[in-house]
PDB file of N, CA and C in Angstrom:
ATOM      1  N   MET A   1     173.908 137.787 -75.942  1.00  0.00           N
ATOM      2  CA  MET A   1     173.916 136.413 -76.384  1.00  0.00           C
ATOM      3  C   MET A   1     174.380 136.370 -77.839  1.00  0.00           C
ATOM      4  N   ARG A   2     175.335 135.490 -78.122  1.00  0.00           N
ATOM      5  CA  ARG A   2     175.853 135.390 -79.484  1.00  0.00           C
ATOM      6  C   ARG A   2     174.985 134.490 -80.336  1.00  0.00           C
ATOM      7  N   ARG A   3     174.918 134.843 -81.602  1.00  0.00           N
ATOM      8  CA  ARG A   3     174.222 133.993 -82.563  1.00  0.00           C
ATOM      9  C   ARG A   3     175.139 132.858 -82.982  1.00  0.00           C
ATOM     10  N   PHE A   4     174.570 131.784 -83.416  1.00  0.00           N
ATOM     11  CA  PHE A   4     175.337 130.623 -83.866  1.00  0.00           C
ATOM     12  C   PHE A   4     176.097 130.989 -85.137  1.00  0.00           C
ATOM     13  N   ASP A   5     177.383 130.680 -85.174  1.00  0.00           N
ATOM     14  CA  ASP A   5     178.222 130.948 -86.339  1.00  0.00           C
ATOM     15  C   ASP A   5     178.677 129.613 -86.923  1.00  0.00           C
ATOM     16  N   PRO A   6     178.098 129.184 -88.051  1.00  0.00           N
ATOM     17  CA  PRO A   6     178.451 127.887 -88.621  1.00  0.00           C
ATOM     18  C   PRO A   6     179.908 127.788 -89.070  1.00  0.00           C
ATOM     19  N   THR A   7     180.567 128.909 -89.252  1.00  0.00           N
ATOM     20  CA  THR A   7     181.974 128.859 -89.663  1.00  0.00           C
ATOM     21  C   THR A   7     182.906 128.581 -88.492  1.00  0.00           C
ATOM     22  N   ARG A   8     182.392 128.704 -87.270  1.00  0.00           N
ATOM     23  CA  ARG A   8     183.211 128.460 -86.076  1.00  0.00           C
ATOM     24  C   ARG A   8     182.729 127.243 -85.293  1.00  0.00           C
ATOM     25  N   SER A   9     181.800 126.532 -85.836  1.00  0.00           N
ATOM     26  CA  SER A   9     181.233 125.358 -85.180  1.00  0.00           C
ATOM     27  C   SER A   9     182.194 124.175 -85.256  1.00  0.00           C
ATOM     28  N   LEU A  10     182.001 123.222 -84.381  1.00  0.00           N
ATOM     29  CA  LEU A  10     182.767 121.975 -84.449  1.00  0.00           C
ATOM     30  C   LEU A  10     182.508 121.232 -85.753  1.00  0.00           C
ATOM     31  N   LEU A  11     181.385 121.525 -86.382  1.00  0.00           N
ATOM     32  CA  LEU A  11     180.998 120.841 -87.616  1.00  0.00           C
ATOM     33  C   LEU A  11     181.347 121.631 -88.870  1.00  0.00           C
ATOM     34  N   ALA A  12     182.023 122.755 -88.722  1.00  0.00           N
ATOM     35  CA  ALA A  12     182.387 123.591 -89.868  1.00  0.00           C
ATOM     36  C   ALA A  12     183.234 122.791 -90.846  1.00  0.00           C
ATOM     37  N   GLY A  13     182.925 122.926 -92.122  1.00  0.00           N
ATOM     38  CA  GLY A  13     183.688 122.262 -93.166  1.00  0.00           C
ATOM     39  C   GLY A  13     183.154 120.906 -93.576  1.00  0.00           C
ATOM     40  N   MET A  14     182.214 120.367 -92.814  1.00  0.00           N
ATOM     41  CA  MET A  14     181.646 119.075 -93.192  1.00  0.00           C
ATOM     42  C   MET A  14     180.652 119.254 -94.326  1.00  0.00           C
ATOM     43  N   ASP A  15     180.575 118.264 -95.171  1.00  0.00           N
ATOM     44  CA  ASP A  15     179.646 118.272 -96.299  1.00  0.00           C
ATOM     45  C   ASP A  15     178.209 118.261 -95.783  1.00  0.00           C
ATOM     46  N   THR A  16     177.359 119.091 -96.357  1.00  0.00           N
ATOM     47  CA  THR A  16     175.977 119.189 -95.877  1.00  0.00           C
ATOM     48  C   THR A  16     175.194 117.895 -96.067  1.00  0.00           C
ATOM     49  N   SER A  17     175.527 117.111 -97.081  1.00  0.00           N
ATOM     50  CA  SER A  17     174.816 115.836 -97.261  1.00  0.00           C
ATOM     51  C   SER A  17     175.142 114.875 -96.118  1.00  0.00           C
ATOM     52  N   VAL A  18     176.377 114.901 -95.628  1.00  0.00           N
ATOM     53  CA  VAL A  18     176.768 114.065 -94.480  1.00  0.00           C
ATOM     54  C   VAL A  18     176.039 114.549 -93.230  1.00  0.00           C
ATOM     55  N   LEU A  19     176.003 115.862 -93.043  1.00  0.00           N
ATOM     56  CA  LEU A  19     175.314 116.426 -91.879  1.00  0.00           C
ATOM     57  C   LEU A  19     173.829 116.078 -91.912  1.00  0.00           C
ATOM     58  N   GLN A  20     173.205 116.176 -93.081  1.00  0.00           N
ATOM     59  CA  GLN A  20     171.779 115.879 -93.201  1.00  0.00           C
ATOM     60  C   GLN A  20     171.499 114.396 -92.927  1.00  0.00           C
ATOM     61  N   THR A  21     172.379 113.528 -93.403  1.00  0.00           N
ATOM     62  CA  THR A  21     172.220 112.097 -93.143  1.00  0.00           C
ATOM     63  C   THR A  21     172.320 111.805 -91.651  1.00  0.00           C
ATOM     64  N   ARG A  22     173.312 112.402 -90.991  1.00  0.00           N
ATOM     65  CA  ARG A  22     173.469 112.218 -89.540  1.00  0.00           C
ATOM     66  C   ARG A  22     172.255 112.756 -88.785  1.00  0.00           C
ATOM     67  N   LEU A  23     171.772 113.918 -89.202  1.00  0.00           N
ATOM     68  CA  LEU A  23     170.597 114.498 -88.556  1.00  0.00           C
ATOM     69  C   LEU A  23     169.403 113.558 -88.677  1.00  0.00           C
ATOM     70  N   ASN A  24     169.176 113.023 -89.859  1.00  0.00           N
ATOM     71  CA  ASN A  24     168.070 112.083 -90.052  1.00  0.00           C
ATOM     72  C   ASN A  24     168.232 110.856 -89.162  1.00  0.00           C
ATOM     73  N   ASP A  25     169.450 110.324 -89.077  1.00  0.00           N
ATOM     74  CA  ASP A  25     169.710 109.155 -88.227  1.00  0.00           C
ATOM     75  C   ASP A  25     169.427 109.467 -86.764  1.00  0.00           C
ATOM     76  N   LEU A  26     169.952 110.590 -86.285  1.00  0.00           N
ATOM     77  CA  LEU A  26     169.777 110.942 -84.874  1.00  0.00           C
ATOM     78  C   LEU A  26     168.326 111.241 -84.537  1.00  0.00           C
ATOM     79  N   GLN A  27     167.599 111.875 -85.445  1.00  0.00           N
ATOM     80  CA  GLN A  27     166.190 112.149 -85.190  1.00  0.00           C
ATOM     81  C   GLN A  27     165.382 110.851 -85.125  1.00  0.00           C
ATOM     82  N   ARG A  28     165.697 109.918 -86.003  1.00  0.00           N
ATOM     83  CA  ARG A  28     165.021 108.625 -85.989  1.00  0.00           C
ATOM     84  C   ARG A  28     165.307 107.883 -84.681  1.00  0.00           C
ATOM     85  N   ILE A  29     166.571 107.887 -84.256  1.00  0.00           N
ATOM     86  CA  ILE A  29     166.956 107.235 -83.003  1.00  0.00           C
ATOM     87  C   ILE A  29     166.244 107.890 -81.831  1.00  0.00           C
ATOM     88  N   TYR A  30     166.203 109.225 -81.820  1.00  0.00           N
ATOM     89  CA  TYR A  30     165.533 109.952 -80.737  1.00  0.00           C
ATOM     90  C   TYR A  30     164.055 109.553 -80.653  1.00  0.00           C
ATOM     91  N   LEU A  31     163.390 109.520 -81.801  1.00  0.00           N
ATOM     92  CA  LEU A  31     161.968 109.163 -81.802  1.00  0.00           C
ATOM     93  C   LEU A  31     161.754 107.720 -81.360  1.00  0.00           C
ATOM     94  N   ASP A  32     162.608 106.812 -81.819  1.00  0.00           N
ATOM     95  CA  ASP A  32     162.487 105.410 -81.425  1.00  0.00           C
ATOM     96  C   ASP A  32     162.691 105.221 -79.931  1.00  0.00           C
ATOM     97  N   LEU A  33     163.704 105.884 -79.373  1.00  0.00           N
ATOM     98  CA  LEU A  33     163.971 105.752 -77.936  1.00  0.00           C
ATOM     99  C   LEU A  33     162.894 106.417 -77.092  1.00  0.00           C
ATOM    100  N   SER A  34     162.514 107.629 -77.460  1.00  0.00           N
ATOM    101  CA  SER A  34     161.559 108.366 -76.632  1.00  0.00           C
ATOM    102  C   SER A  34     160.160 107.756 -76.692  1.00  0.00           C
ATOM    103  N   SER A  35     159.846 107.045 -77.775  1.00  0.00           N
ATOM    104  CA  SER A  35     158.527 106.418 -77.877  1.00  0.00           C
ATOM    105  C   SER A  35     158.518 104.989 -77.348  1.00  0.00           C
ATOM    106  N   GLY A  36     159.697 104.472 -76.979  1.00  0.00           N
ATOM    107  CA  GLY A  36     159.784 103.126 -76.442  1.00  0.00           C
ATOM    108  C   GLY A  36     159.876 102.037 -77.496  1.00  0.00           C
ATOM    109  N   GLN A  37     159.987 102.401 -78.755  1.00  0.00           N
ATOM    110  CA  GLN A  37     160.047 101.401 -79.825  1.00  0.00           C
ATOM    111  C   GLN A  37     161.350 100.615 -79.830  1.00  0.00           C
ATOM    112  N   LYS A  38     162.409 101.168 -79.271  1.00  0.00           N
ATOM    113  CA  LYS A  38     163.702 100.493 -79.282  1.00  0.00           C
ATOM    114  C   LYS A  38     164.163 100.080 -77.899  1.00  0.00           C
ATOM    115  N   GLY A  39     163.267  99.973 -76.961  1.00  0.00           N
ATOM    116  CA  GLY A  39     163.663  99.560 -75.620  1.00  0.00           C
ATOM    117  C   GLY A  39     164.485 100.622 -74.918  1.00  0.00           C
ATOM    118  N   GLU A  40     165.448 100.181 -74.150  1.00  0.00           N
ATOM    119  CA  GLU A  40     166.255 101.096 -73.345  1.00  0.00           C
ATOM    120  C   GLU A  40     167.466 101.654 -74.073  1.00  0.00           C
ATOM    121  N   SER A  41     167.936 100.979 -75.130  1.00  0.00           N
ATOM    122  CA  SER A  41     169.093 101.493 -75.849  1.00  0.00           C
ATOM    123  C   SER A  41     168.998 101.128 -77.320  1.00  0.00           C
ATOM    124  N   PHE A  42     169.761 101.846 -78.130  1.00  0.00           N
ATOM    125  CA  PHE A  42     169.746 101.640 -79.570  1.00  0.00           C
ATOM    126  C   PHE A  42     171.145 101.884 -80.094  1.00  0.00           C
ATOM    127  N   SER A  43     171.635 101.007 -80.957  1.00  0.00           N
ATOM    128  CA  SER A  43     172.981 101.140 -81.514  1.00  0.00           C
ATOM    129  C   SER A  43     172.915 101.214 -83.029  1.00  0.00           C
ATOM    130  N   TYR A  44     173.849 101.934 -83.609  1.00  0.00           N
ATOM    131  CA  TYR A  44     174.026 101.906 -85.052  1.00  0.00           C
ATOM    132  C   TYR A  44     175.487 102.158 -85.351  1.00  0.00           C
ATOM    133  N   THR A  45     175.915 101.761 -86.542  1.00  0.00           N
ATOM    134  CA  THR A  45     177.312 101.891 -86.925  1.00  0.00           C
ATOM    135  C   THR A  45     177.483 103.094 -87.826  1.00  0.00           C
ATOM    136  N   GLN A  46     178.441 103.945 -87.487  1.00  0.00           N
ATOM    137  CA  GLN A  46     178.732 105.130 -88.289  1.00  0.00           C
ATOM    138  C   GLN A  46     179.683 104.755 -89.408  1.00  0.00           C
ATOM    139  N   GLY A  47     179.423 105.292 -90.573  1.00  0.00           N
ATOM    140  CA  GLY A  47     180.345 105.099 -91.692  1.00  0.00           C
ATOM    141  C   GLY A  47     180.318 103.683 -92.223  1.00  0.00           C
ATOM    142  N   ASP A  48     181.379 103.286 -92.885  1.00  0.00           N
ATOM    143  CA  ASP A  48     181.493 101.968 -93.506  1.00  0.00           C
ATOM    144  C   ASP A  48     182.053 100.959 -92.512  1.00  0.00           C
ATOM    145  N   GLY A  49     181.184 100.483 -91.632  1.00  0.00           N
ATOM    146  CA  GLY A  49     181.626  99.497 -90.648  1.00  0.00           C
ATOM    147  C   GLY A  49     182.541 100.078 -89.595  1.00  0.00           C
ATOM    148  N   GLY A  50     182.497 101.387 -89.413  1.00  0.00           N
ATOM    149  CA  GLY A  50     183.385 102.067 -88.479  1.00  0.00           C
ATOM    150  C   GLY A  50     182.910 101.965 -87.050  1.00  0.00           C
ATOM    151  N   LYS A  51     182.796 103.080 -86.408  1.00  0.00           N
ATOM    152  CA  LYS A  51     182.501 103.170 -84.984  1.00  0.00           C
ATOM    153  C   LYS A  51     181.026 102.865 -84.702  1.00  0.00           C
ATOM    154  N   ALA A  52     180.779 102.006 -83.735  1.00  0.00           N
ATOM    155  CA  ALA A  52     179.420 101.712 -83.293  1.00  0.00           C
ATOM    156  C   ALA A  52     179.055 102.701 -82.188  1.00  0.00           C
ATOM    157  N   VAL A  53     177.855 103.257 -82.268  1.00  0.00           N
ATOM    158  CA  VAL A  53     177.393 104.236 -81.289  1.00  0.00           C
ATOM    159  C   VAL A  53     176.134 103.689 -80.635  1.00  0.00           C
ATOM    160  N   THR A  54     176.073 103.792 -79.317  1.00  0.00           N
ATOM    161  CA  THR A  54     174.898 103.333 -78.581  1.00  0.00           C
ATOM    162  C   THR A  54     174.278 104.510 -77.845  1.00  0.00           C
ATOM    163  N   TYR A  55     172.982 104.653 -77.999  1.00  0.00           N
ATOM    164  CA  TYR A  55     172.235 105.680 -77.287  1.00  0.00           C
ATOM    165  C   TYR A  55     171.230 104.978 -76.378  1.00  0.00           C
ATOM    166  N   SER A  56     170.997 105.564 -75.224  1.00  0.00           N
ATOM    167  CA  SER A  56     170.014 105.004 -74.310  1.00  0.00           C
ATOM    168  C   SER A  56     169.106 106.117 -73.819  1.00  0.00           C
ATOM    169  N   LYS A  57     168.037 105.720 -73.150  1.00  0.00           N
ATOM    170  CA  LYS A  57     167.115 106.729 -72.605  1.00  0.00           C
ATOM    171  C   LYS A  57     167.818 107.635 -71.609  1.00  0.00           C
ATOM    172  N   ALA A  58     168.876 107.118 -70.998  1.00  0.00           N
ATOM    173  CA  ALA A  58     169.609 107.908 -70.008  1.00  0.00           C
ATOM    174  C   ALA A  58     170.306 109.110 -70.636  1.00  0.00           C
ATOM    175  N   ASN A  59     170.635 109.048 -71.924  1.00  0.00           N
ATOM    176  CA  ASN A  59     171.321 110.183 -72.548  1.00  0.00           C
ATOM    177  C   ASN A  59     170.510 110.817 -73.673  1.00  0.00           C
ATOM    178  N   LEU A  60     169.181 110.863 -73.500  1.00  0.00           N
ATOM    179  CA  LEU A  60     168.322 111.539 -74.468  1.00  0.00           C
ATOM    180  C   LEU A  60     168.658 113.028 -74.580  1.00  0.00           C
ATOM    181  N   ALA A  61     169.062 113.641 -73.478  1.00  0.00           N
ATOM    182  CA  ALA A  61     169.416 115.062 -73.509  1.00  0.00           C
ATOM    183  C   ALA A  61     170.645 115.290 -74.390  1.00  0.00           C
ATOM    184  N   ASP A  62     171.629 114.396 -74.319  1.00  0.00           N
ATOM    185  CA  ASP A  62     172.807 114.506 -75.178  1.00  0.00           C
ATOM    186  C   ASP A  62     172.415 114.345 -76.637  1.00  0.00           C
ATOM    187  N   LEU A  63     171.508 113.441 -76.892  1.00  0.00           N
ATOM    188  CA  LEU A  63     171.017 113.219 -78.244  1.00  0.00           C
ATOM    189  C   LEU A  63     170.293 114.466 -78.756  1.00  0.00           C
ATOM    190  N   GLN A  64     169.498 115.095 -77.913  1.00  0.00           N
ATOM    191  CA  GLN A  64     168.809 116.336 -78.279  1.00  0.00           C
ATOM    192  C   GLN A  64     169.814 117.431 -78.631  1.00  0.00           C
ATOM    193  N   GLN A  65     170.862 117.555 -77.835  1.00  0.00           N
ATOM    194  CA  GLN A  65     171.877 118.578 -78.093  1.00  0.00           C
ATOM    195  C   GLN A  65     172.569 118.340 -79.438  1.00  0.00           C
ATOM    196  N   ALA A  66     172.874 117.087 -79.745  1.00  0.00           N
ATOM    197  CA  ALA A  66     173.518 116.761 -81.021  1.00  0.00           C
ATOM    198  C   ALA A  66     172.598 117.100 -82.186  1.00  0.00           C
ATOM    199  N   ILE A  67     171.306 116.813 -82.035  1.00  0.00           N
ATOM    200  CA  ILE A  67     170.330 117.132 -83.076  1.00  0.00           C
ATOM    201  C   ILE A  67     170.254 118.639 -83.284  1.00  0.00           C
ATOM    202  N   MET A  68     170.214 119.382 -82.195  1.00  0.00           N
ATOM    203  CA  MET A  68     170.112 120.841 -82.306  1.00  0.00           C
ATOM    204  C   MET A  68     171.363 121.459 -82.905  1.00  0.00           C
ATOM    205  N   LEU A  69     172.532 120.918 -82.601  1.00  0.00           N
ATOM    206  CA  LEU A  69     173.760 121.414 -83.199  1.00  0.00           C
ATOM    207  C   LEU A  69     173.748 121.178 -84.714  1.00  0.00           C
ATOM    208  N   LEU A  70     173.336 119.994 -85.129  1.00  0.00           N
ATOM    209  CA  LEU A  70     173.240 119.704 -86.562  1.00  0.00           C
ATOM    210  C   LEU A  70     172.224 120.611 -87.243  1.00  0.00           C
ATOM    211  N   GLN A  71     171.087 120.834 -86.592  1.00  0.00           N
ATOM    212  CA  GLN A  71     170.076 121.726 -87.157  1.00  0.00           C
ATOM    213  C   GLN A  71     170.625 123.137 -87.318  1.00  0.00           C
ATOM    214  N   ALA A  72     171.352 123.611 -86.326  1.00  0.00           N
ATOM    215  CA  ALA A  72     171.937 124.951 -86.408  1.00  0.00           C
ATOM    216  C   ALA A  72     172.965 125.024 -87.528  1.00  0.00           C
ATOM    217  N   GLN A  73     173.804 124.000 -87.646  1.00  0.00           N
ATOM    218  CA  GLN A  73     174.833 123.986 -88.684  1.00  0.00           C
ATOM    219  C   GLN A  73     174.209 123.984 -90.073  1.00  0.00           C
ATOM    220  N   LEU A  74     173.074 123.312 -90.211  1.00  0.00           N
ATOM    221  CA  LEU A  74     172.386 123.242 -91.502  1.00  0.00           C
ATOM    222  C   LEU A  74     171.475 124.445 -91.748  1.00  0.00           C
ATOM    223  N   GLY A  75     171.354 125.329 -90.765  1.00  0.00           N
ATOM    224  CA  GLY A  75     170.525 126.521 -90.930  1.00  0.00           C
ATOM    225  C   GLY A  75     169.047 126.278 -90.707  1.00  0.00           C
ATOM    226  N   ILE A  76     168.702 125.158 -90.096  1.00  0.00           N
ATOM    227  CA  ILE A  76     167.298 124.839 -89.832  1.00  0.00           C
ATOM    228  C   ILE A  76     166.788 125.664 -88.657  1.00  0.00           C
ATOM    229  N   VAL A  77     167.637 125.864 -87.658  1.00  0.00           N
ATOM    230  CA  VAL A  77     167.334 126.755 -86.533  1.00  0.00           C
ATOM    231  C   VAL A  77     168.478 127.753 -86.436  1.00  0.00           C
ATOM    232  N   CYS A  78     168.234 128.913 -85.851  1.00  0.00           N
ATOM    233  CA  CYS A  78     169.276 129.947 -85.824  1.00  0.00           C
ATOM    234  C   CYS A  78     170.364 129.681 -84.796  1.00  0.00           C
ATOM    235  N   LYS A  79     170.057 128.938 -83.758  1.00  0.00           N
ATOM    236  CA  LYS A  79     171.067 128.630 -82.742  1.00  0.00           C
ATOM    237  C   LYS A  79     170.634 127.394 -81.976  1.00  0.00           C
ATOM    238  N   PRO A  80     171.590 126.611 -81.489  1.00  0.00           N
ATOM    239  CA  PRO A  80     171.205 125.463 -80.675  1.00  0.00           C
ATOM    240  C   PRO A  80     170.650 125.912 -79.327  1.00  0.00           C
ATOM    241  N   ARG A  81     169.826 125.107 -78.728  1.00  0.00           N
ATOM    242  CA  ARG A  81     169.235 125.439 -77.456  1.00  0.00           C
ATOM    243  C   ARG A  81     170.293 125.425 -76.356  1.00  0.00           C
ATOM    244  N   ARG A  82     170.210 126.377 -75.474  1.00  0.00           N
ATOM    245  CA  ARG A  82     171.131 126.424 -74.342  1.00  0.00           C
ATOM    246  C   ARG A  82     170.755 125.374 -73.319  1.00  0.00           C
ATOM    247  N   ALA A  83     171.716 125.020 -72.510  1.00  0.00           N
ATOM    248  CA  ALA A  83     171.448 124.078 -71.429  1.00  0.00           C
ATOM    249  C   ALA A  83     170.481 124.706 -70.448  1.00  0.00           C
ATOM    250  N   ILE A  84     169.632 123.897 -69.897  1.00  0.00           N
ATOM    251  CA  ILE A  84     168.642 124.373 -68.939  1.00  0.00           C
ATOM    252  C   ILE A  84     169.272 124.400 -67.558  1.00  0.00           C
ATOM    253  N   GLY A  85     169.216 125.552 -66.913  1.00  0.00           N
ATOM    254  CA  GLY A  85     169.732 125.667 -65.558  1.00  0.00           C
ATOM    255  C   GLY A  85     168.596 125.591 -64.551  1.00  0.00           C
ATOM    256  N   VAL A  86     168.800 124.836 -63.504  1.00  0.00           N
ATOM    257  CA  VAL A  86     167.789 124.691 -62.465  1.00  0.00           C
ATOM    258  C   VAL A  86     168.260 125.457 -61.233  1.00  0.00           C
ATOM    259  N   ARG A  87     167.410 126.306 -60.736  1.00  0.00           N
ATOM    260  CA  ARG A  87     167.745 127.090 -59.529  1.00  0.00           C
ATOM    261  C   ARG A  87     166.720 126.804 -58.451  1.00  0.00           C
ATOM    262  N   PHE A  88     167.214 126.715 -57.249  1.00  0.00           N
ATOM    263  CA  PHE A  88     166.325 126.481 -56.107  1.00  0.00           C
ATOM    264  C   PHE A  88     166.251 127.684 -55.237  1.00  0.00           C
TER     265      PHE A  88
END
C-alpha cells in the first residue's frame, strides 16, 4: 500500500491557507448535514461569487472523501481513507 504523496495529489501546489479554508467549510457542511441542521441539502458559493456547490445527505460519502483528501494534503492524516468494499 502506498503512502499519500502530497506532491502528486490533485491538490498539489495549492496554497495551504486556501486548503485550510476549504477544509473548514466542508467539515462545517458535513456536520450540518449529518446532524440534520441543514435539512436534506446545503449550498455555498466558492470563491468570489463563483461556482455554487450543493451537498445533500445522498452524497455524504463524497463529502467525507473530499475532507479526507484535504486532511491528507495538509498533513493532518497520513493518507486518505480507502473506499469500503462490500463482499457477500
